[in-house]
Amino acid sequence: MRTKRYFSPETKLEVVRRYAAGEGPGALAGEYGIRDTLVHQWVKAYKERGGQGLQGPGRPSREAVAAALLPTGVEESATHSLQAAQRRIALLEQKIAQQGLEIDFFKLALRHFETSPPPAVRPGATAPTPSSGRKRNRKAD
């Protein structure tokens, strides 16, 4: 079983800077022993939230998201309330973006299956023969 590795915000920032300088994500991923998709995630997080986007180990847990969405029940100042609302809006926007990606994926998959020929018509397979239209002989009981 593989253990999770955590990278410091400084290391993530170094990878983002090198990527911005023109190094390829594959080369960076190989050097750091990570997937190239993680390089893209760090770059995206940096573009969206700057250095704050590179803080922490990664995606927040479900419990953390739920805690951010639920009211605390404590009297909050107007500034704190505004910040809480902005956090909630950001989390909901992330959720909407994720759902949009999933919808696009499933639309593409559906389009693929709608345009591909049925299994029996693919090259090398035998196609089903149409019915001759004759009725079967059945014994009368």
N, C-alpha and C. Protein backbone atom coordinates (compact mmCIF):
# COMPACT_ATOMS: atom_id res chain seq x y z
N MET A 1 0.85 -1.19 0.00
CA MET A 1 0.00 0.00 0.00
C MET A 1 0.89 1.24 0.00
N ARG A 2 0.54 2.18 -0.86
CA ARG A 2 1.32 3.40 -0.97
C ARG A 2 0.89 4.40 0.09
N THR A 3 1.87 5.05 0.70
CA THR A 3 1.55 6.07 1.69
C THR A 3 1.47 7.42 0.98
N LYS A 4 0.60 8.28 1.52
CA LYS A 4 0.47 9.62 0.94
C LYS A 4 1.70 10.44 1.27
N ARG A 5 2.13 11.20 0.29
CA ARG A 5 3.25 12.12 0.52
C ARG A 5 2.70 13.53 0.51
N TYR A 6 3.24 14.33 1.37
CA TYR A 6 2.83 15.73 1.44
C TYR A 6 4.00 16.61 1.03
N PHE A 7 3.69 17.64 0.26
CA PHE A 7 4.70 18.56 -0.20
C PHE A 7 4.46 19.92 0.45
N SER A 8 5.54 20.56 0.80
CA SER A 8 5.44 21.87 1.44
C SER A 8 4.94 22.88 0.40
N PRO A 9 4.33 23.98 0.88
CA PRO A 9 3.89 25.02 -0.06
C PRO A 9 5.07 25.58 -0.86
N GLU A 10 6.27 25.61 -0.25
CA GLU A 10 7.44 26.12 -0.97
C GLU A 10 7.79 25.20 -2.15
N THR A 11 7.71 23.89 -1.93
CA THR A 11 8.01 22.93 -3.00
C THR A 11 6.98 23.07 -4.11
N LYS A 12 5.70 23.19 -3.73
CA LYS A 12 4.64 23.34 -4.72
C LYS A 12 4.86 24.62 -5.53
N LEU A 13 5.22 25.70 -4.84
CA LEU A 13 5.46 26.97 -5.52
C LEU A 13 6.64 26.86 -6.48
N GLU A 14 7.67 26.14 -6.09
CA GLU A 14 8.82 25.94 -6.97
C GLU A 14 8.40 25.20 -8.24
N VAL A 15 7.57 24.17 -8.09
CA VAL A 15 7.08 23.43 -9.26
C VAL A 15 6.26 24.35 -10.16
N VAL A 16 5.39 25.17 -9.57
CA VAL A 16 4.56 26.09 -10.34
C VAL A 16 5.43 27.09 -11.09
N ARG A 17 6.42 27.63 -10.43
CA ARG A 17 7.32 28.61 -11.09
C ARG A 17 8.09 27.97 -12.24
N ARG A 18 8.58 26.76 -12.03
CA ARG A 18 9.32 26.08 -13.09
C ARG A 18 8.39 25.76 -14.27
N TYR A 19 7.15 25.40 -13.97
CA TYR A 19 6.17 25.15 -15.02
C TYR A 19 5.92 26.44 -15.81
N ALA A 20 5.75 27.56 -15.09
CA ALA A 20 5.52 28.85 -15.74
C ALA A 20 6.72 29.28 -16.57
N ALA A 21 7.92 28.83 -16.17
CA ALA A 21 9.12 29.17 -16.91
C ALA A 21 9.28 28.34 -18.18
N GLY A 22 8.40 27.34 -18.36
CA GLY A 22 8.44 26.58 -19.59
C GLY A 22 8.79 25.11 -19.46
N GLU A 23 9.07 24.64 -18.26
CA GLU A 23 9.36 23.21 -18.10
C GLU A 23 8.06 22.43 -18.25
N GLY A 24 8.16 21.26 -18.84
CA GLY A 24 6.97 20.45 -19.08
C GLY A 24 6.49 19.75 -17.82
N PRO A 25 5.18 19.50 -17.72
CA PRO A 25 4.65 18.84 -16.54
C PRO A 25 5.16 17.42 -16.39
N GLY A 26 5.43 16.74 -17.49
CA GLY A 26 5.96 15.38 -17.42
C GLY A 26 7.34 15.33 -16.79
N ALA A 27 8.19 16.29 -17.19
CA ALA A 27 9.55 16.33 -16.64
C ALA A 27 9.52 16.68 -15.15
N LEU A 28 8.70 17.64 -14.79
CA LEU A 28 8.58 18.02 -13.38
C LEU A 28 8.01 16.86 -12.56
N ALA A 29 7.00 16.20 -13.10
CA ALA A 29 6.39 15.07 -12.38
C ALA A 29 7.41 13.96 -12.17
N GLY A 30 8.21 13.67 -13.18
CA GLY A 30 9.23 12.63 -13.05
C GLY A 30 10.27 12.99 -12.01
N GLU A 31 10.67 14.25 -11.97
CA GLU A 31 11.68 14.69 -11.02
C GLU A 31 11.18 14.61 -9.58
N TYR A 32 9.92 14.95 -9.37
CA TYR A 32 9.37 14.96 -8.01
C TYR A 32 8.66 13.66 -7.64
N GLY A 33 8.55 12.75 -8.58
CA GLY A 33 7.91 11.47 -8.30
C GLY A 33 6.41 11.59 -8.10
N ILE A 34 5.78 12.45 -8.90
CA ILE A 34 4.34 12.66 -8.80
C ILE A 34 3.71 12.50 -10.18
N ARG A 35 2.39 12.53 -10.22
CA ARG A 35 1.68 12.48 -11.51
C ARG A 35 1.68 13.87 -12.13
N ASP A 36 1.68 13.92 -13.46
CA ASP A 36 1.66 15.22 -14.12
C ASP A 36 0.34 15.95 -13.88
N THR A 37 -0.73 15.20 -13.59
CA THR A 37 -2.00 15.85 -13.27
C THR A 37 -1.90 16.64 -11.97
N LEU A 38 -1.05 16.19 -11.05
CA LEU A 38 -0.86 16.92 -9.80
C LEU A 38 -0.16 18.25 -10.07
N VAL A 39 0.76 18.27 -11.01
CA VAL A 39 1.42 19.52 -11.40
C VAL A 39 0.36 20.50 -11.91
N HIS A 40 -0.55 20.00 -12.76
CA HIS A 40 -1.61 20.85 -13.29
C HIS A 40 -2.54 21.34 -12.18
N GLN A 41 -2.82 20.48 -11.20
CA GLN A 41 -3.67 20.90 -10.07
C GLN A 41 -3.02 22.02 -9.28
N TRP A 42 -1.72 21.92 -9.04
CA TRP A 42 -1.01 22.96 -8.29
C TRP A 42 -1.01 24.27 -9.07
N VAL A 43 -0.80 24.20 -10.38
CA VAL A 43 -0.79 25.41 -11.21
C VAL A 43 -2.17 26.06 -11.18
N LYS A 44 -3.21 25.25 -11.30
CA LYS A 44 -4.58 25.77 -11.27
C LYS A 44 -4.89 26.41 -9.91
N ALA A 45 -4.49 25.74 -8.83
CA ALA A 45 -4.74 26.28 -7.49
C ALA A 45 -4.00 27.59 -7.30
N TYR A 46 -2.79 27.69 -7.83
CA TYR A 46 -2.03 28.93 -7.70
C TYR A 46 -2.68 30.05 -8.51
N LYS A 47 -3.17 29.73 -9.70
CA LYS A 47 -3.83 30.75 -10.52
C LYS A 47 -5.11 31.25 -9.87
N GLU A 48 -5.84 30.35 -9.22
CA GLU A 48 -7.13 30.72 -8.62
C GLU A 48 -6.97 31.46 -7.30
N ARG A 49 -6.04 31.01 -6.44
CA ARG A 49 -5.97 31.56 -5.09
C ARG A 49 -4.58 32.01 -4.68
N GLY A 50 -3.65 32.04 -5.62
CA GLY A 50 -2.29 32.47 -5.29
C GLY A 50 -1.60 31.50 -4.35
N GLY A 51 -0.75 32.02 -3.48
CA GLY A 51 -0.02 31.18 -2.53
C GLY A 51 -0.93 30.41 -1.60
N GLN A 52 -2.11 30.96 -1.28
CA GLN A 52 -3.06 30.27 -0.41
C GLN A 52 -3.54 28.97 -1.04
N GLY A 53 -3.57 28.93 -2.36
CA GLY A 53 -4.02 27.73 -3.06
C GLY A 53 -3.07 26.56 -2.89
N LEU A 54 -1.83 26.86 -2.50
CA LEU A 54 -0.83 25.80 -2.35
C LEU A 54 -0.66 25.38 -0.89
N GLN A 55 -1.44 25.94 0.01
CA GLN A 55 -1.35 25.58 1.42
C GLN A 55 -2.07 24.27 1.66
N GLY A 56 -1.65 23.55 2.68
CA GLY A 56 -2.34 22.33 3.08
C GLY A 56 -2.05 21.16 2.18
N PRO A 57 -2.51 19.99 2.58
CA PRO A 57 -2.19 18.77 1.84
C PRO A 57 -2.98 18.58 0.56
N GLY A 58 -4.06 19.32 0.35
CA GLY A 58 -4.82 19.14 -0.88
C GLY A 58 -6.28 19.40 -0.67
N ARG A 59 -7.11 18.58 -1.25
CA ARG A 59 -8.56 18.74 -1.21
C ARG A 59 -9.05 18.65 0.23
N PRO A 60 -9.97 19.54 0.62
CA PRO A 60 -10.48 19.47 1.99
C PRO A 60 -11.34 18.22 2.18
N SER A 61 -11.38 17.73 3.40
CA SER A 61 -12.18 16.55 3.69
C SER A 61 -13.66 16.91 3.62
N ARG A 62 -14.50 15.89 3.53
CA ARG A 62 -15.93 16.14 3.50
C ARG A 62 -16.39 16.80 4.79
N GLU A 63 -15.77 16.40 5.89
CA GLU A 63 -16.14 16.99 7.18
C GLU A 63 -15.81 18.48 7.21
N ALA A 64 -14.66 18.86 6.65
CA ALA A 64 -14.27 20.26 6.63
C ALA A 64 -15.22 21.08 5.75
N VAL A 65 -15.62 20.51 4.62
CA VAL A 65 -16.56 21.21 3.74
C VAL A 65 -17.91 21.36 4.43
N ALA A 66 -18.37 20.28 5.07
CA ALA A 66 -19.65 20.33 5.78
C ALA A 66 -19.61 21.35 6.90
N ALA A 67 -18.50 21.40 7.64
CA ALA A 67 -18.37 22.36 8.74
C ALA A 67 -18.38 23.79 8.21
N ALA A 68 -17.79 24.00 7.04
CA ALA A 68 -17.76 25.35 6.47
C ALA A 68 -19.15 25.77 5.97
N LEU A 69 -19.96 24.80 5.57
CA LEU A 69 -21.28 25.12 5.03
C LEU A 69 -22.34 25.30 6.12
N LEU A 70 -22.14 24.67 7.28
CA LEU A 70 -23.13 24.74 8.35
C LEU A 70 -22.90 25.95 9.23
N PRO A 71 -23.95 26.58 9.69
CA PRO A 71 -23.76 27.70 10.60
C PRO A 71 -23.21 27.22 11.93
N THR A 72 -22.39 28.06 12.55
CA THR A 72 -21.75 27.66 13.80
C THR A 72 -22.63 27.88 15.00
N GLY A 73 -23.67 28.71 14.88
CA GLY A 73 -24.55 28.99 16.00
C GLY A 73 -24.00 30.07 16.92
N VAL A 74 -22.82 30.56 16.63
CA VAL A 74 -22.20 31.61 17.43
C VAL A 74 -22.46 32.95 16.75
N GLU A 75 -22.73 33.96 17.53
CA GLU A 75 -22.94 35.31 16.99
C GLU A 75 -21.67 35.76 16.28
N GLU A 76 -21.78 36.11 15.01
CA GLU A 76 -20.61 36.50 14.24
C GLU A 76 -20.68 37.99 13.93
N SER A 77 -19.53 38.58 13.78
CA SER A 77 -19.50 39.99 13.37
C SER A 77 -19.84 40.06 11.88
N ALA A 78 -20.15 41.24 11.39
CA ALA A 78 -20.52 41.41 9.99
C ALA A 78 -19.38 40.99 9.07
N THR A 79 -18.15 41.30 9.44
CA THR A 79 -16.99 40.94 8.62
C THR A 79 -16.82 39.42 8.58
N HIS A 80 -16.92 38.81 9.74
CA HIS A 80 -16.76 37.35 9.81
C HIS A 80 -17.88 36.66 9.03
N SER A 81 -19.08 37.21 9.13
CA SER A 81 -20.22 36.65 8.42
C SER A 81 -20.02 36.76 6.91
N LEU A 82 -19.49 37.89 6.46
CA LEU A 82 -19.22 38.07 5.04
C LEU A 82 -18.16 37.08 4.56
N GLN A 83 -17.11 36.90 5.35
CA GLN A 83 -16.06 35.95 4.99
C GLN A 83 -16.61 34.53 4.92
N ALA A 84 -17.47 34.17 5.87
CA ALA A 84 -18.07 32.84 5.87
C ALA A 84 -18.93 32.65 4.62
N ALA A 85 -19.69 33.69 4.25
CA ALA A 85 -20.52 33.61 3.05
C ALA A 85 -19.66 33.47 1.80
N GLN A 86 -18.56 34.20 1.75
CA GLN A 86 -17.66 34.10 0.59
C GLN A 86 -17.04 32.71 0.50
N ARG A 87 -16.69 32.12 1.65
CA ARG A 87 -16.15 30.76 1.64
C ARG A 87 -17.19 29.78 1.13
N ARG A 88 -18.41 29.95 1.59
CA ARG A 88 -19.49 29.06 1.16
C ARG A 88 -19.73 29.19 -0.33
N ILE A 89 -19.74 30.42 -0.83
CA ILE A 89 -19.93 30.65 -2.26
C ILE A 89 -18.81 29.98 -3.06
N ALA A 90 -17.57 30.12 -2.59
CA ALA A 90 -16.44 29.51 -3.29
C ALA A 90 -16.57 27.99 -3.32
N LEU A 91 -16.98 27.39 -2.21
CA LEU A 91 -17.14 25.94 -2.16
C LEU A 91 -18.26 25.49 -3.10
N LEU A 92 -19.36 26.23 -3.11
CA LEU A 92 -20.47 25.88 -4.00
C LEU A 92 -20.08 26.05 -5.47
N GLU A 93 -19.30 27.08 -5.78
CA GLU A 93 -18.82 27.27 -7.15
C GLU A 93 -17.91 26.12 -7.57
N GLN A 94 -17.08 25.65 -6.65
CA GLN A 94 -16.22 24.50 -6.95
C GLN A 94 -17.07 23.27 -7.23
N LYS A 95 -18.11 23.08 -6.44
CA LYS A 95 -19.01 21.94 -6.62
C LYS A 95 -19.70 22.02 -7.97
N ILE A 96 -20.16 23.21 -8.35
CA ILE A 96 -20.81 23.40 -9.65
C ILE A 96 -19.84 23.10 -10.79
N ALA A 97 -18.60 23.56 -10.65
CA ALA A 97 -17.59 23.31 -11.68
C ALA A 97 -17.33 21.82 -11.81
N GLN A 98 -17.24 21.11 -10.68
CA GLN A 98 -17.00 19.67 -10.71
C GLN A 98 -18.17 18.96 -11.38
N GLN A 99 -19.39 19.35 -11.05
CA GLN A 99 -20.55 18.74 -11.67
C GLN A 99 -20.61 19.03 -13.17
N GLY A 100 -20.19 20.22 -13.57
CA GLY A 100 -20.13 20.54 -14.99
C GLY A 100 -19.16 19.63 -15.74
N LEU A 101 -17.99 19.38 -15.12
CA LEU A 101 -17.03 18.47 -15.73
C LEU A 101 -17.60 17.06 -15.85
N GLU A 102 -18.30 16.61 -14.81
CA GLU A 102 -18.89 15.28 -14.84
C GLU A 102 -19.96 15.19 -15.92
N ILE A 103 -20.78 16.22 -16.06
CA ILE A 103 -21.81 16.22 -17.09
C ILE A 103 -21.17 16.17 -18.47
N ASP A 104 -20.13 16.96 -18.69
CA ASP A 104 -19.44 16.94 -19.99
C ASP A 104 -18.86 15.56 -20.28
N PHE A 105 -18.30 14.93 -19.26
CA PHE A 105 -17.72 13.59 -19.44
C PHE A 105 -18.80 12.60 -19.85
N PHE A 106 -19.92 12.61 -19.14
CA PHE A 106 -20.98 11.65 -19.45
C PHE A 106 -21.64 11.94 -20.78
N LYS A 107 -21.75 13.20 -21.18
CA LYS A 107 -22.27 13.53 -22.51
C LYS A 107 -21.37 12.95 -23.59
N LEU A 108 -20.05 13.11 -23.40
CA LEU A 108 -19.09 12.58 -24.37
C LEU A 108 -19.16 11.06 -24.43
N ALA A 109 -19.28 10.42 -23.27
CA ALA A 109 -19.37 8.95 -23.23
C ALA A 109 -20.65 8.49 -23.92
N LEU A 110 -21.76 9.17 -23.67
CA LEU A 110 -23.02 8.81 -24.30
C LEU A 110 -22.94 8.98 -25.82
N ARG A 111 -22.33 10.08 -26.26
CA ARG A 111 -22.17 10.32 -27.68
C ARG A 111 -21.33 9.21 -28.31
N HIS A 112 -20.31 8.76 -27.60
CA HIS A 112 -19.46 7.67 -28.10
C HIS A 112 -20.27 6.39 -28.29
N PHE A 113 -21.10 6.06 -27.32
CA PHE A 113 -21.87 4.83 -27.42
C PHE A 113 -23.00 4.94 -28.44
N GLU A 114 -23.54 6.13 -28.62
CA GLU A 114 -24.59 6.31 -29.62
C GLU A 114 -24.05 6.20 -31.03
N THR A 115 -22.82 6.63 -31.26
CA THR A 115 -22.26 6.62 -32.61
C THR A 115 -21.52 5.34 -32.95
N SER A 116 -21.17 4.53 -31.98
CA SER A 116 -20.46 3.29 -32.28
C SER A 116 -21.45 2.24 -32.75
N PRO A 117 -21.04 1.41 -33.72
CA PRO A 117 -21.95 0.40 -34.24
C PRO A 117 -22.23 -0.67 -33.19
N PRO A 118 -23.37 -1.35 -33.31
CA PRO A 118 -23.67 -2.42 -32.36
C PRO A 118 -22.61 -3.51 -32.44
N PRO A 119 -22.45 -4.30 -31.41
CA PRO A 119 -21.38 -5.30 -31.38
C PRO A 119 -21.39 -6.26 -32.56
N ALA A 120 -22.56 -6.67 -33.05
CA ALA A 120 -22.61 -7.66 -34.11
C ALA A 120 -22.26 -7.08 -35.47
N VAL A 121 -22.19 -5.77 -35.63
CA VAL A 121 -21.92 -5.16 -36.92
C VAL A 121 -20.46 -4.75 -37.04
N ARG A 122 -19.71 -4.86 -36.00
CA ARG A 122 -18.30 -4.49 -36.05
C ARG A 122 -17.55 -5.39 -37.02
N PRO A 123 -16.46 -4.92 -37.61
CA PRO A 123 -15.71 -5.72 -38.58
C PRO A 123 -15.26 -7.05 -37.97
N GLY A 124 -15.45 -8.10 -38.75
CA GLY A 124 -15.02 -9.42 -38.31
C GLY A 124 -16.11 -10.20 -37.60
N ALA A 125 -17.19 -9.56 -37.24
CA ALA A 125 -18.28 -10.24 -36.56
C ALA A 125 -19.36 -10.60 -37.57
N THR A 126 -20.16 -11.56 -37.21
CA THR A 126 -21.26 -11.94 -38.10
C THR A 126 -22.50 -11.16 -37.70
N ALA A 127 -23.14 -10.59 -38.71
CA ALA A 127 -24.33 -9.79 -38.46
C ALA A 127 -25.54 -10.71 -38.31
N PRO A 128 -26.49 -10.32 -37.52
CA PRO A 128 -27.70 -11.15 -37.39
C PRO A 128 -28.48 -11.12 -38.70
N THR A 129 -29.14 -12.22 -39.01
CA THR A 129 -29.93 -12.28 -40.24
C THR A 129 -31.36 -11.89 -39.92
N PRO A 130 -31.99 -11.16 -40.83
CA PRO A 130 -33.38 -10.77 -40.56
C PRO A 130 -34.29 -11.98 -40.61
N SER A 131 -35.38 -11.90 -39.94
CA SER A 131 -36.35 -12.99 -39.91
C SER A 131 -36.95 -13.18 -41.30
N SER A 132 -37.21 -14.40 -41.67
CA SER A 132 -37.76 -14.67 -43.02
C SER A 132 -39.23 -14.31 -43.10
N GLY A 133 -39.84 -14.12 -41.98
CA GLY A 133 -41.24 -13.74 -42.00
C GLY A 133 -42.16 -14.96 -41.95
N ARG A 134 -41.59 -16.15 -42.07
CA ARG A 134 -42.41 -17.36 -42.03
C ARG A 134 -42.80 -17.66 -40.60
N LYS A 135 -43.98 -18.22 -40.45
CA LYS A 135 -44.42 -18.63 -39.14
C LYS A 135 -43.85 -20.02 -38.87
N ARG A 136 -43.56 -20.27 -37.65
CA ARG A 136 -43.06 -21.58 -37.26
C ARG A 136 -44.19 -22.61 -37.27
N ASN A 137 -43.80 -23.83 -37.61
CA ASN A 137 -44.78 -24.91 -37.54
C ASN A 137 -44.91 -25.34 -36.10
N ARG A 138 -46.11 -25.26 -35.58
CA ARG A 138 -46.35 -25.70 -34.22
C ARG A 138 -47.39 -26.80 -34.26
N LYS A 139 -47.18 -27.74 -33.43
CA LYS A 139 -48.18 -28.83 -33.34
C LYS A 139 -49.41 -28.30 -32.64
N ALA A 140 -50.53 -28.63 -33.20
CA ALA A 140 -51.79 -28.23 -32.58
C ALA A 140 -52.09 -29.18 -31.45
N ASP A 141 -52.39 -28.67 -30.32
CA ASP A 141 -52.70 -29.51 -29.16
C ASP A 141 -54.16 -29.75 -29.03
